[in-house]
Amino acid sequence: MSLTQHAFGTADGTPIELYTLQNANGMSADIMTFGASLVALRVPDRAGQPGDVVLGFDDFAPYNGAHPYFGAVIGRYGNRIAQGQFSLNGQTYTLAQNNGSNNLHGGPSGFDRL
């Protein structure tokens, strides 16, 4: 198992790093520090040749603009909380409503840019 790190870009003056994790079986994953987004996932095919199986960009700039959330961590949870409220141990919690009256994937500030 190995882990390497290198500069990938900057966002608002903050350096963005790209970490590559690789195992002994030829599988590797590139994950950047901008939203913990998965940039690449290379897995060997039946002939042992690695191929990237996720959609993404080769450099950082497109991730910092509008894109279809390639590789993004979706949020604190997946799905909707109806009416933007839930109760836990008798306490009602009100959340941001970003999908009509519902809370979707944790609210308007997703993890894709943190």
PDB file of N, CA and C in Angstrom:
ATOM      1  N   MET A   1       0.849  -1.169   0.000  1.00  0.00           N
ATOM      2  CA  MET A   1       0.000   0.000   0.000  1.00  0.00           C
ATOM      3  C   MET A   1       0.895   1.232   0.000  1.00  0.00           C
ATOM      4  N   SER A   2       0.540   2.219  -0.826  1.00  0.00           N
ATOM      5  CA  SER A   2       1.326   3.448  -0.844  1.00  0.00           C
ATOM      6  C   SER A   2       0.403   4.659  -0.884  1.00  0.00           C
ATOM      7  N   LEU A   3       0.944   5.776  -0.438  1.00  0.00           N
ATOM      8  CA  LEU A   3       0.216   7.046  -0.428  1.00  0.00           C
ATOM      9  C   LEU A   3       1.175   8.120  -0.909  1.00  0.00           C
ATOM     10  N   THR A   4       0.761   8.851  -1.950  1.00  0.00           N
ATOM     11  CA  THR A   4       1.565   9.970  -2.433  1.00  0.00           C
ATOM     12  C   THR A   4       0.696  11.222  -2.447  1.00  0.00           C
ATOM     13  N   GLN A   5       1.346  12.363  -2.433  1.00  0.00           N
ATOM     14  CA  GLN A   5       0.658  13.641  -2.376  1.00  0.00           C
ATOM     15  C   GLN A   5       1.345  14.612  -3.326  1.00  0.00           C
ATOM     16  N   HIS A   6       0.548  15.436  -4.027  1.00  0.00           N
ATOM     17  CA  HIS A   6       1.133  16.515  -4.802  1.00  0.00           C
ATOM     18  C   HIS A   6       0.120  17.650  -4.964  1.00  0.00           C
ATOM     19  N   ALA A   7       0.628  18.829  -5.303  1.00  0.00           N
ATOM     20  CA  ALA A   7      -0.224  20.004  -5.489  1.00  0.00           C
ATOM     21  C   ALA A   7      -1.133  19.779  -6.695  1.00  0.00           C
ATOM     22  N   PHE A   8      -2.390  20.237  -6.574  1.00  0.00           N
ATOM     23  CA  PHE A   8      -3.367  20.044  -7.641  1.00  0.00           C
ATOM     24  C   PHE A   8      -3.941  21.373  -8.117  1.00  0.00           C
ATOM     25  N   GLY A   9      -3.856  22.423  -7.303  1.00  0.00           N
ATOM     26  CA  GLY A   9      -4.373  23.737  -7.663  1.00  0.00           C
ATOM     27  C   GLY A   9      -4.577  24.583  -6.440  1.00  0.00           C
ATOM     28  N   THR A  10      -5.276  25.714  -6.608  1.00  0.00           N
ATOM     29  CA  THR A  10      -5.629  26.568  -5.475  1.00  0.00           C
ATOM     30  C   THR A  10      -7.070  27.028  -5.622  1.00  0.00           C
ATOM     31  N   ALA A  11      -7.723  27.229  -4.493  1.00  0.00           N
ATOM     32  CA  ALA A  11      -9.089  27.756  -4.453  1.00  0.00           C
ATOM     33  C   ALA A  11      -9.108  28.889  -3.443  1.00  0.00           C
ATOM     34  N   ASP A  12      -9.352  30.102  -3.923  1.00  0.00           N
ATOM     35  CA  ASP A  12      -9.354  31.290  -3.057  1.00  0.00           C
ATOM     36  C   ASP A  12      -8.072  31.388  -2.243  1.00  0.00           C
ATOM     37  N   GLY A  13      -6.942  31.077  -2.863  1.00  0.00           N
ATOM     38  CA  GLY A  13      -5.645  31.164  -2.204  1.00  0.00           C
ATOM     39  C   GLY A  13      -5.278  29.953  -1.366  1.00  0.00           C
ATOM     40  N   THR A  14      -6.191  28.998  -1.219  1.00  0.00           N
ATOM     41  CA  THR A  14      -5.920  27.793  -0.436  1.00  0.00           C
ATOM     42  C   THR A  14      -5.362  26.709  -1.341  1.00  0.00           C
ATOM     43  N   PRO A  15      -4.209  26.149  -0.995  1.00  0.00           N
ATOM     44  CA  PRO A  15      -3.659  25.072  -1.822  1.00  0.00           C
ATOM     45  C   PRO A  15      -4.546  23.830  -1.784  1.00  0.00           C
ATOM     46  N   ILE A  16      -4.748  23.235  -2.932  1.00  0.00           N
ATOM     47  CA  ILE A  16      -5.510  21.994  -3.048  1.00  0.00           C
ATOM     48  C   ILE A  16      -4.519  20.877  -3.360  1.00  0.00           C
ATOM     49  N   GLU A  17      -4.550  19.841  -2.556  1.00  0.00           N
ATOM     50  CA  GLU A  17      -3.652  18.701  -2.713  1.00  0.00           C
ATOM     51  C   GLU A  17      -4.402  17.523  -3.316  1.00  0.00           C
ATOM     52  N   LEU A  18      -3.665  16.690  -4.027  1.00  0.00           N
ATOM     53  CA  LEU A  18      -4.208  15.457  -4.573  1.00  0.00           C
ATOM     54  C   LEU A  18      -3.451  14.294  -3.931  1.00  0.00           C
ATOM     55  N   TYR A  19      -4.181  13.390  -3.313  1.00  0.00           N
ATOM     56  CA  TYR A  19      -3.593  12.208  -2.683  1.00  0.00           C
ATOM     57  C   TYR A  19      -3.905  10.992  -3.546  1.00  0.00           C
ATOM     58  N   THR A  20      -2.905  10.166  -3.774  1.00  0.00           N
ATOM     59  CA  THR A  20      -3.095   8.930  -4.519  1.00  0.00           C
ATOM     60  C   THR A  20      -2.807   7.761  -3.588  1.00  0.00           C
ATOM     61  N   LEU A  21      -3.795   6.908  -3.444  1.00  0.00           N
ATOM     62  CA  LEU A  21      -3.659   5.683  -2.663  1.00  0.00           C
ATOM     63  C   LEU A  21      -3.570   4.531  -3.649  1.00  0.00           C
ATOM     64  N   GLN A  22      -2.612   3.641  -3.445  1.00  0.00           N
ATOM     65  CA  GLN A  22      -2.454   2.518  -4.357  1.00  0.00           C
ATOM     66  C   GLN A  22      -2.211   1.236  -3.561  1.00  0.00           C
ATOM     67  N   ASN A  23      -2.855   0.156  -4.004  1.00  0.00           N
ATOM     68  CA  ASN A  23      -2.631  -1.120  -3.331  1.00  0.00           C
ATOM     69  C   ASN A  23      -1.752  -2.038  -4.175  1.00  0.00           C
ATOM     70  N   ALA A  24      -1.433  -3.181  -3.645  1.00  0.00           N
ATOM     71  CA  ALA A  24      -0.530  -4.124  -4.314  1.00  0.00           C
ATOM     72  C   ALA A  24      -1.188  -4.821  -5.493  1.00  0.00           C
ATOM     73  N   ASN A  25      -2.495  -4.705  -5.638  1.00  0.00           N
ATOM     74  CA  ASN A  25      -3.212  -5.378  -6.713  1.00  0.00           C
ATOM     75  C   ASN A  25      -3.414  -4.495  -7.945  1.00  0.00           C
ATOM     76  N   GLY A  26      -2.802  -3.314  -7.959  1.00  0.00           N
ATOM     77  CA  GLY A  26      -2.903  -2.432  -9.117  1.00  0.00           C
ATOM     78  C   GLY A  26      -4.068  -1.479  -9.107  1.00  0.00           C
ATOM     79  N   MET A  27      -4.751  -1.370  -7.993  1.00  0.00           N
ATOM     80  CA  MET A  27      -5.870  -0.439  -7.875  1.00  0.00           C
ATOM     81  C   MET A  27      -5.371   0.846  -7.226  1.00  0.00           C
ATOM     82  N   SER A  28      -5.836   2.009  -7.736  1.00  0.00           N
ATOM     83  CA  SER A  28      -5.444   3.279  -7.127  1.00  0.00           C
ATOM     84  C   SER A  28      -6.594   4.263  -7.176  1.00  0.00           C
ATOM     85  N   ALA A  29      -6.584   5.190  -6.227  1.00  0.00           N
ATOM     86  CA  ALA A  29      -7.604   6.227  -6.138  1.00  0.00           C
ATOM     87  C   ALA A  29      -6.928   7.570  -5.916  1.00  0.00           C
ATOM     88  N   ASP A  30      -7.383   8.588  -6.659  1.00  0.00           N
ATOM     89  CA  ASP A  30      -6.925   9.963  -6.476  1.00  0.00           C
ATOM     90  C   ASP A  30      -8.047  10.739  -5.802  1.00  0.00           C
ATOM     91  N   ILE A  31      -7.736  11.336  -4.657  1.00  0.00           N
ATOM     92  CA  ILE A  31      -8.723  12.090  -3.885  1.00  0.00           C
ATOM     93  C   ILE A  31      -8.120  13.446  -3.570  1.00  0.00           C
ATOM     94  N   MET A  32      -8.894  14.518  -3.864  1.00  0.00           N
ATOM     95  CA  MET A  32      -8.356  15.852  -3.603  1.00  0.00           C
ATOM     96  C   MET A  32      -8.952  16.434  -2.330  1.00  0.00           C
ATOM     97  N   THR A  33      -8.253  17.416  -1.787  1.00  0.00           N
ATOM     98  CA  THR A  33      -8.668  18.030  -0.526  1.00  0.00           C
ATOM     99  C   THR A  33      -9.781  19.062  -0.710  1.00  0.00           C
ATOM    100  N   PHE A  34     -10.215  19.309  -1.911  1.00  0.00           N
ATOM    101  CA  PHE A  34     -11.331  20.201  -2.202  1.00  0.00           C
ATOM    102  C   PHE A  34     -12.593  19.352  -2.208  1.00  0.00           C
ATOM    103  N   GLY A  35     -13.288  19.301  -1.082  1.00  0.00           N
ATOM    104  CA  GLY A  35     -14.504  18.520  -0.984  1.00  0.00           C
ATOM    105  C   GLY A  35     -14.304  17.023  -0.911  1.00  0.00           C
ATOM    106  N   ALA A  36     -13.084  16.573  -0.676  1.00  0.00           N
ATOM    107  CA  ALA A  36     -12.785  15.134  -0.633  1.00  0.00           C
ATOM    108  C   ALA A  36     -13.285  14.445  -1.893  1.00  0.00           C
ATOM    109  N   SER A  37     -13.224  15.145  -3.028  1.00  0.00           N
ATOM    110  CA  SER A  37     -13.745  14.604  -4.283  1.00  0.00           C
ATOM    111  C   SER A  37     -12.832  13.514  -4.843  1.00  0.00           C
ATOM    112  N   LEU A  38     -13.460  12.465  -5.344  1.00  0.00           N
ATOM    113  CA  LEU A  38     -12.754  11.374  -6.001  1.00  0.00           C
ATOM    114  C   LEU A  38     -12.455  11.808  -7.436  1.00  0.00           C
ATOM    115  N   VAL A  39     -11.201  12.009  -7.749  1.00  0.00           N
ATOM    116  CA  VAL A  39     -10.782  12.498  -9.064  1.00  0.00           C
ATOM    117  C   VAL A  39     -10.593  11.342 -10.041  1.00  0.00           C
ATOM    118  N   ALA A  40     -10.051  10.243  -9.573  1.00  0.00           N
ATOM    119  CA  ALA A  40      -9.831   9.073 -10.433  1.00  0.00           C
ATOM    120  C   ALA A  40      -9.865   7.806  -9.583  1.00  0.00           C
ATOM    121  N   LEU A  41     -10.338   6.749 -10.185  1.00  0.00           N
ATOM    122  CA  LEU A  41     -10.311   5.422  -9.568  1.00  0.00           C
ATOM    123  C   LEU A  41      -9.903   4.449 -10.669  1.00  0.00           C
ATOM    124  N   ARG A  42      -8.691   3.957 -10.551  1.00  0.00           N
ATOM    125  CA  ARG A  42      -8.153   3.062 -11.570  1.00  0.00           C
ATOM    126  C   ARG A  42      -8.173   1.630 -11.040  1.00  0.00           C
ATOM    127  N   VAL A  43      -8.803   0.769 -11.814  1.00  0.00           N
ATOM    128  CA  VAL A  43      -8.885  -0.650 -11.455  1.00  0.00           C
ATOM    129  C   VAL A  43      -8.393  -1.481 -12.640  1.00  0.00           C
ATOM    130  N   PRO A  44      -7.733  -2.594 -12.365  1.00  0.00           N
ATOM    131  CA  PRO A  44      -7.244  -3.427 -13.470  1.00  0.00           C
ATOM    132  C   PRO A  44      -8.386  -4.172 -14.165  1.00  0.00           C
ATOM    133  N   ASP A  45      -8.289  -4.268 -15.496  1.00  0.00           N
ATOM    134  CA  ASP A  45      -9.262  -5.061 -16.231  1.00  0.00           C
ATOM    135  C   ASP A  45      -8.841  -6.528 -16.193  1.00  0.00           C
ATOM    136  N   ARG A  46      -9.499  -7.381 -16.924  1.00  0.00           N
ATOM    137  CA  ARG A  46      -9.188  -8.818 -16.862  1.00  0.00           C
ATOM    138  C   ARG A  46      -7.786  -9.146 -17.360  1.00  0.00           C
ATOM    139  N   ALA A  47      -7.202  -8.215 -18.140  1.00  0.00           N
ATOM    140  CA  ALA A  47      -5.823  -8.409 -18.613  1.00  0.00           C
ATOM    141  C   ALA A  47      -4.815  -7.749 -17.683  1.00  0.00           C
ATOM    142  N   GLY A  48      -5.314  -7.149 -16.585  1.00  0.00           N
ATOM    143  CA  GLY A  48      -4.421  -6.524 -15.624  1.00  0.00           C
ATOM    144  C   GLY A  48      -4.070  -5.078 -15.936  1.00  0.00           C
ATOM    145  N   GLN A  49      -4.660  -4.518 -16.998  1.00  0.00           N
ATOM    146  CA  GLN A  49      -4.377  -3.135 -17.385  1.00  0.00           C
ATOM    147  C   GLN A  49      -5.300  -2.181 -16.631  1.00  0.00           C
ATOM    148  N   PRO A  50      -4.743  -1.193 -15.917  1.00  0.00           N
ATOM    149  CA  PRO A  50      -5.593  -0.288 -15.152  1.00  0.00           C
ATOM    150  C   PRO A  50      -6.346   0.683 -16.055  1.00  0.00           C
ATOM    151  N   GLY A  51      -7.588   0.960 -15.669  1.00  0.00           N
ATOM    152  CA  GLY A  51      -8.414   1.940 -16.371  1.00  0.00           C
ATOM    153  C   GLY A  51      -9.193   2.756 -15.369  1.00  0.00           C
ATOM    154  N   ASP A  52      -9.368   4.040 -15.656  1.00  0.00           N
ATOM    155  CA  ASP A  52     -10.110   4.944 -14.779  1.00  0.00           C
ATOM    156  C   ASP A  52     -11.601   4.702 -14.985  1.00  0.00           C
ATOM    157  N   VAL A  53     -12.333   4.453 -13.904  1.00  0.00           N
ATOM    158  CA  VAL A  53     -13.750   4.096 -14.003  1.00  0.00           C
ATOM    159  C   VAL A  53     -14.682   5.179 -13.455  1.00  0.00           C
ATOM    160  N   VAL A  54     -14.162   6.369 -13.171  1.00  0.00           N
ATOM    161  CA  VAL A  54     -15.022   7.465 -12.719  1.00  0.00           C
ATOM    162  C   VAL A  54     -14.879   8.654 -13.664  1.00  0.00           C
ATOM    163  N   LEU A  55     -15.937   9.449 -13.739  1.00  0.00           N
ATOM    164  CA  LEU A  55     -15.888  10.671 -14.530  1.00  0.00           C
ATOM    165  C   LEU A  55     -15.214  11.767 -13.733  1.00  0.00           C
ATOM    166  N   GLY A  56     -14.396  12.552 -14.386  1.00  0.00           N
ATOM    167  CA  GLY A  56     -13.707  13.634 -13.699  1.00  0.00           C
ATOM    168  C   GLY A  56     -12.870  14.440 -14.669  1.00  0.00           C
ATOM    169  N   PHE A  57     -12.080  15.348 -14.124  1.00  0.00           N
ATOM    170  CA  PHE A  57     -11.241  16.231 -14.916  1.00  0.00           C
ATOM    171  C   PHE A  57      -9.775  15.938 -14.637  1.00  0.00           C
ATOM    172  N   ASP A  58      -8.912  16.284 -15.592  1.00  0.00           N
ATOM    173  CA  ASP A  58      -7.478  16.037 -15.453  1.00  0.00           C
ATOM    174  C   ASP A  58      -6.771  17.081 -14.601  1.00  0.00           C
ATOM    175  N   ASP A  59      -7.385  18.271 -14.456  1.00  0.00           N
ATOM    176  CA  ASP A  59      -6.778  19.306 -13.623  1.00  0.00           C
ATOM    177  C   ASP A  59      -7.845  19.928 -12.726  1.00  0.00           C
ATOM    178  N   PHE A  60      -7.405  20.796 -11.820  1.00  0.00           N
ATOM    179  CA  PHE A  60      -8.297  21.306 -10.782  1.00  0.00           C
ATOM    180  C   PHE A  60      -9.311  22.343 -11.261  1.00  0.00           C
ATOM    181  N   ALA A  61      -8.952  23.216 -12.191  1.00  0.00           N
ATOM    182  CA  ALA A  61      -9.792  24.364 -12.565  1.00  0.00           C
ATOM    183  C   ALA A  61     -11.268  24.022 -12.803  1.00  0.00           C
ATOM    184  N   PRO A  62     -11.621  22.980 -13.550  1.00  0.00           N
ATOM    185  CA  PRO A  62     -13.040  22.701 -13.764  1.00  0.00           C
ATOM    186  C   PRO A  62     -13.804  22.325 -12.485  1.00  0.00           C
ATOM    187  N   TYR A  63     -13.115  21.763 -11.514  1.00  0.00           N
ATOM    188  CA  TYR A  63     -13.782  21.413 -10.251  1.00  0.00           C
ATOM    189  C   TYR A  63     -14.185  22.666  -9.476  1.00  0.00           C
ATOM    190  N   ASN A  64     -13.482  23.759  -9.696  1.00  0.00           N
ATOM    191  CA  ASN A  64     -13.749  25.004  -8.972  1.00  0.00           C
ATOM    192  C   ASN A  64     -14.845  25.817  -9.657  1.00  0.00           C
ATOM    193  N   GLY A  65     -15.360  25.347 -10.783  1.00  0.00           N
ATOM    194  CA  GLY A  65     -16.439  26.016 -11.495  1.00  0.00           C
ATOM    195  C   GLY A  65     -17.698  25.165 -11.464  1.00  0.00           C
ATOM    196  N   ALA A  66     -18.612  25.493 -12.343  1.00  0.00           N
ATOM    197  CA  ALA A  66     -19.856  24.724 -12.449  1.00  0.00           C
ATOM    198  C   ALA A  66     -19.574  23.397 -13.151  1.00  0.00           C
ATOM    199  N   HIS A  67     -19.976  22.322 -12.543  1.00  0.00           N
ATOM    200  CA  HIS A  67     -19.819  20.991 -13.127  1.00  0.00           C
ATOM    201  C   HIS A  67     -20.864  20.065 -12.517  1.00  0.00           C
ATOM    202  N   PRO A  68     -21.067  18.892 -13.089  1.00  0.00           N
ATOM    203  CA  PRO A  68     -22.113  17.987 -12.601  1.00  0.00           C
ATOM    204  C   PRO A  68     -21.708  17.162 -11.369  1.00  0.00           C
ATOM    205  N   TYR A  69     -20.978  17.772 -10.445  1.00  0.00           N
ATOM    206  CA  TYR A  69     -20.607  17.134  -9.176  1.00  0.00           C
ATOM    207  C   TYR A  69     -19.777  15.868  -9.365  1.00  0.00           C
ATOM    208  N   PHE A  70     -18.915  15.838 -10.384  1.00  0.00           N
ATOM    209  CA  PHE A  70     -18.051  14.674 -10.597  1.00  0.00           C
ATOM    210  C   PHE A  70     -17.251  14.371  -9.332  1.00  0.00           C
ATOM    211  N   GLY A  71     -17.345  13.146  -8.845  1.00  0.00           N
ATOM    212  CA  GLY A  71     -16.563  12.681  -7.716  1.00  0.00           C
ATOM    213  C   GLY A  71     -16.915  13.265  -6.366  1.00  0.00           C
ATOM    214  N   ALA A  72     -17.965  14.072  -6.298  1.00  0.00           N
ATOM    215  CA  ALA A  72     -18.284  14.804  -5.069  1.00  0.00           C
ATOM    216  C   ALA A  72     -18.839  13.907  -3.963  1.00  0.00           C
ATOM    217  N   VAL A  73     -18.475  14.240  -2.737  1.00  0.00           N
ATOM    218  CA  VAL A  73     -19.113  13.659  -1.565  1.00  0.00           C
ATOM    219  C   VAL A  73     -20.446  14.394  -1.448  1.00  0.00           C
ATOM    220  N   ILE A  74     -21.565  13.680  -1.443  1.00  0.00           N
ATOM    221  CA  ILE A  74     -22.851  14.337  -1.647  1.00  0.00           C
ATOM    222  C   ILE A  74     -23.312  15.198  -0.485  1.00  0.00           C
ATOM    223  N   GLY A  75     -22.937  14.903   0.703  1.00  0.00           N
ATOM    224  CA  GLY A  75     -23.386  15.698   1.840  1.00  0.00           C
ATOM    225  C   GLY A  75     -23.328  14.891   3.108  1.00  0.00           C
ATOM    226  N   ARG A  76     -24.004  15.395   4.083  1.00  0.00           N
ATOM    227  CA  ARG A  76     -23.986  14.751   5.391  1.00  0.00           C
ATOM    228  C   ARG A  76     -24.732  13.418   5.372  1.00  0.00           C
ATOM    229  N   TYR A  77     -25.655  13.287   4.428  1.00  0.00           N
ATOM    230  CA  TYR A  77     -26.428  12.065   4.228  1.00  0.00           C
ATOM    231  C   TYR A  77     -27.018  12.128   2.826  1.00  0.00           C
ATOM    232  N   GLY A  78     -27.488  11.011   2.306  1.00  0.00           N
ATOM    233  CA  GLY A  78     -28.122  10.975   1.000  1.00  0.00           C
ATOM    234  C   GLY A  78     -29.624  10.866   1.155  1.00  0.00           C
ATOM    235  N   ASN A  79     -30.358  11.726   0.475  1.00  0.00           N
ATOM    236  CA  ASN A  79     -31.817  11.726   0.411  1.00  0.00           C
ATOM    237  C   ASN A  79     -32.374  12.997   1.017  1.00  0.00           C
ATOM    238  N   ARG A  80     -33.682  12.998   1.248  1.00  0.00           N
ATOM    239  CA  ARG A  80     -34.384  14.180   1.726  1.00  0.00           C
ATOM    240  C   ARG A  80     -34.912  13.968   3.137  1.00  0.00           C
ATOM    241  N   ILE A  81     -34.944  15.053   3.895  1.00  0.00           N
ATOM    242  CA  ILE A  81     -35.652  15.057   5.169  1.00  0.00           C
ATOM    243  C   ILE A  81     -36.908  15.875   4.939  1.00  0.00           C
ATOM    244  N   ALA A  82     -38.052  15.225   5.015  1.00  0.00           N
ATOM    245  CA  ALA A  82     -39.347  15.838   4.699  1.00  0.00           C
ATOM    246  C   ALA A  82     -39.601  17.061   5.565  1.00  0.00           C
ATOM    247  N   GLN A  83     -40.067  18.098   4.915  1.00  0.00           N
ATOM    248  CA  GLN A  83     -40.416  19.361   5.558  1.00  0.00           C
ATOM    249  C   GLN A  83     -39.243  20.016   6.284  1.00  0.00           C
ATOM    250  N   GLY A  84     -38.032  19.529   6.068  1.00  0.00           N
ATOM    251  CA  GLY A  84     -36.846  20.119   6.664  1.00  0.00           C
ATOM    252  C   GLY A  84     -36.819  20.039   8.176  1.00  0.00           C
ATOM    253  N   GLN A  85     -37.454  19.016   8.730  1.00  0.00           N
ATOM    254  CA  GLN A  85     -37.489  18.852  10.190  1.00  0.00           C
ATOM    255  C   GLN A  85     -37.393  17.384  10.562  1.00  0.00           C
ATOM    256  N   PHE A  86     -36.808  17.134  11.731  1.00  0.00           N
ATOM    257  CA  PHE A  86     -36.837  15.796  12.305  1.00  0.00           C
ATOM    258  C   PHE A  86     -36.821  15.925  13.816  1.00  0.00           C
ATOM    259  N   SER A  87     -37.249  14.868  14.499  1.00  0.00           N
ATOM    260  CA  SER A  87     -37.256  14.835  15.964  1.00  0.00           C
ATOM    261  C   SER A  87     -36.319  13.746  16.443  1.00  0.00           C
ATOM    262  N   LEU A  88     -35.576  14.066  17.503  1.00  0.00           N
ATOM    263  CA  LEU A  88     -34.665  13.117  18.109  1.00  0.00           C
ATOM    264  C   LEU A  88     -34.746  13.288  19.611  1.00  0.00           C
ATOM    265  N   ASN A  89     -35.094  12.217  20.305  1.00  0.00           N
ATOM    266  CA  ASN A  89     -35.231  12.242  21.764  1.00  0.00           C
ATOM    267  C   ASN A  89     -36.162  13.360  22.224  1.00  0.00           C
ATOM    268  N   GLY A  90     -37.265  13.533  21.503  1.00  0.00           N
ATOM    269  CA  GLY A  90     -38.267  14.518  21.892  1.00  0.00           C
ATOM    270  C   GLY A  90     -37.952  15.954  21.485  1.00  0.00           C
ATOM    271  N   GLN A  91     -36.795  16.200  20.879  1.00  0.00           N
ATOM    272  CA  GLN A  91     -36.400  17.546  20.445  1.00  0.00           C
ATOM    273  C   GLN A  91     -36.588  17.638  18.925  1.00  0.00           C
ATOM    274  N   THR A  92     -37.259  18.685  18.464  1.00  0.00           N
ATOM    275  CA  THR A  92     -37.445  18.904  17.029  1.00  0.00           C
ATOM    276  C   THR A  92     -36.348  19.816  16.514  1.00  0.00           C
ATOM    277  N   TYR A  93     -35.733  19.404  15.411  1.00  0.00           N
ATOM    278  CA  TYR A  93     -34.662  20.165  14.771  1.00  0.00           C
ATOM    279  C   TYR A  93     -35.151  20.641  13.409  1.00  0.00           C
ATOM    280  N   THR A  94     -34.937  21.905  13.116  1.00  0.00           N
ATOM    281  CA  THR A  94     -35.315  22.490  11.835  1.00  0.00           C
ATOM    282  C   THR A  94     -34.058  22.718  11.005  1.00  0.00           C
ATOM    283  N   LEU A  95     -34.109  22.282   9.770  1.00  0.00           N
ATOM    284  CA  LEU A  95     -32.965  22.354   8.861  1.00  0.00           C
ATOM    285  C   LEU A  95     -33.271  23.303   7.708  1.00  0.00           C
ATOM    286  N   ALA A  96     -32.233  23.673   6.969  1.00  0.00           N
ATOM    287  CA  ALA A  96     -32.414  24.493   5.771  1.00  0.00           C
ATOM    288  C   ALA A  96     -33.259  23.721   4.762  1.00  0.00           C
ATOM    289  N   GLN A  97     -34.125  24.422   4.081  1.00  0.00           N
ATOM    290  CA  GLN A  97     -34.966  23.811   3.054  1.00  0.00           C
ATOM    291  C   GLN A  97     -34.414  24.205   1.687  1.00  0.00           C
ATOM    292  N   ASN A  98     -33.803  23.254   1.025  1.00  0.00           N
ATOM    293  CA  ASN A  98     -33.162  23.529  -0.258  1.00  0.00           C
ATOM    294  C   ASN A  98     -33.721  22.682  -1.393  1.00  0.00           C
ATOM    295  N   ASN A  99     -34.843  22.002  -1.157  1.00  0.00           N
ATOM    296  CA  ASN A  99     -35.494  21.176  -2.164  1.00  0.00           C
ATOM    297  C   ASN A  99     -36.989  21.309  -1.931  1.00  0.00           C
ATOM    298  N   GLY A 100     -37.540  22.457  -2.347  1.00  0.00           N
ATOM    299  CA  GLY A 100     -38.913  22.764  -1.967  1.00  0.00           C
ATOM    300  C   GLY A 100     -38.955  22.954  -0.465  1.00  0.00           C
ATOM    301  N   SER A 101     -39.832  22.239   0.188  1.00  0.00           N
ATOM    302  CA  SER A 101     -39.912  22.339   1.652  1.00  0.00           C
ATOM    303  C   SER A 101     -39.029  21.300   2.347  1.00  0.00           C
ATOM    304  N   ASN A 102     -38.248  20.548   1.585  1.00  0.00           N
ATOM    305  CA  ASN A 102     -37.409  19.485   2.133  1.00  0.00           C
ATOM    306  C   ASN A 102     -35.954  19.913   2.264  1.00  0.00           C
ATOM    307  N   ASN A 103     -35.208  19.169   3.074  1.00  0.00           N
ATOM    308  CA  ASN A 103     -33.766  19.328   3.177  1.00  0.00           C
ATOM    309  C   ASN A 103     -33.147  18.195   2.373  1.00  0.00           C
ATOM    310  N   LEU A 104     -32.328  18.550   1.352  1.00  0.00           N
ATOM    311  CA  LEU A 104     -31.740  17.550   0.466  1.00  0.00           C
ATOM    312  C   LEU A 104     -30.245  17.435   0.706  1.00  0.00           C
ATOM    313  N   HIS A 105     -29.759  16.240   0.984  1.00  0.00           N
ATOM    314  CA  HIS A 105     -28.334  15.920   1.137  1.00  0.00           C
ATOM    315  C   HIS A 105     -27.612  16.809   2.153  1.00  0.00           C
ATOM    316  N   GLY A 106     -28.299  17.336   3.128  1.00  0.00           N
ATOM    317  CA  GLY A 106     -27.631  18.106   4.179  1.00  0.00           C
ATOM    318  C   GLY A 106     -27.744  19.609   4.029  1.00  0.00           C
ATOM    319  N   GLY A 107     -28.400  20.088   2.997  1.00  0.00           N
ATOM    320  CA  GLY A 107     -28.616  21.528   2.877  1.00  0.00           C
ATOM    321  C   GLY A 107     -27.923  22.155   1.687  1.00  0.00           C
ATOM    322  N   PRO A 108     -28.007  23.478   1.601  1.00  0.00           N
ATOM    323  CA  PRO A 108     -27.498  24.190   0.423  1.00  0.00           C
ATOM    324  C   PRO A 108     -25.980  24.208   0.307  1.00  0.00           C
ATOM    325  N   SER A 109     -25.266  24.023   1.390  1.00  0.00           N
ATOM    326  CA  SER A 109     -23.802  23.996   1.337  1.00  0.00           C
ATOM    327  C   SER A 109     -23.332  22.550   1.402  1.00  0.00           C
ATOM    328  N   GLY A 110     -23.126  21.956   0.229  1.00  0.00           N
ATOM    329  CA  GLY A 110     -22.699  20.564   0.181  1.00  0.00           C
ATOM    330  C   GLY A 110     -21.238  20.414   0.542  1.00  0.00           C
ATOM    331  N   PHE A 111     -20.791  19.193   0.642  1.00  0.00           N
ATOM    332  CA  PHE A 111     -19.408  18.894   0.969  1.00  0.00           C
ATOM    333  C   PHE A 111     -18.492  18.977  -0.247  1.00  0.00           C
ATOM    334  N   ASP A 112     -19.060  19.213  -1.430  1.00  0.00           N
ATOM    335  CA  ASP A 112     -18.259  19.185  -2.647  1.00  0.00           C
ATOM    336  C   ASP A 112     -17.277  20.338  -2.757  1.00  0.00           C
ATOM    337  N   ARG A 113     -17.388  21.363  -1.930  1.00  0.00           N
ATOM    338  CA  ARG A 113     -16.487  22.516  -2.011  1.00  0.00           C
ATOM    339  C   ARG A 113     -15.837  22.848  -0.670  1.00  0.00           C
ATOM    340  N   LEU A 114     -15.945  21.986   0.292  1.00  0.00           N
ATOM    341  CA  LEU A 114     -15.347  22.254   1.602  1.00  0.00           C
ATOM    342  C   LEU A 114     -13.910  21.797   1.645  1.00  0.00           C
TER     343      LEU A 114
END
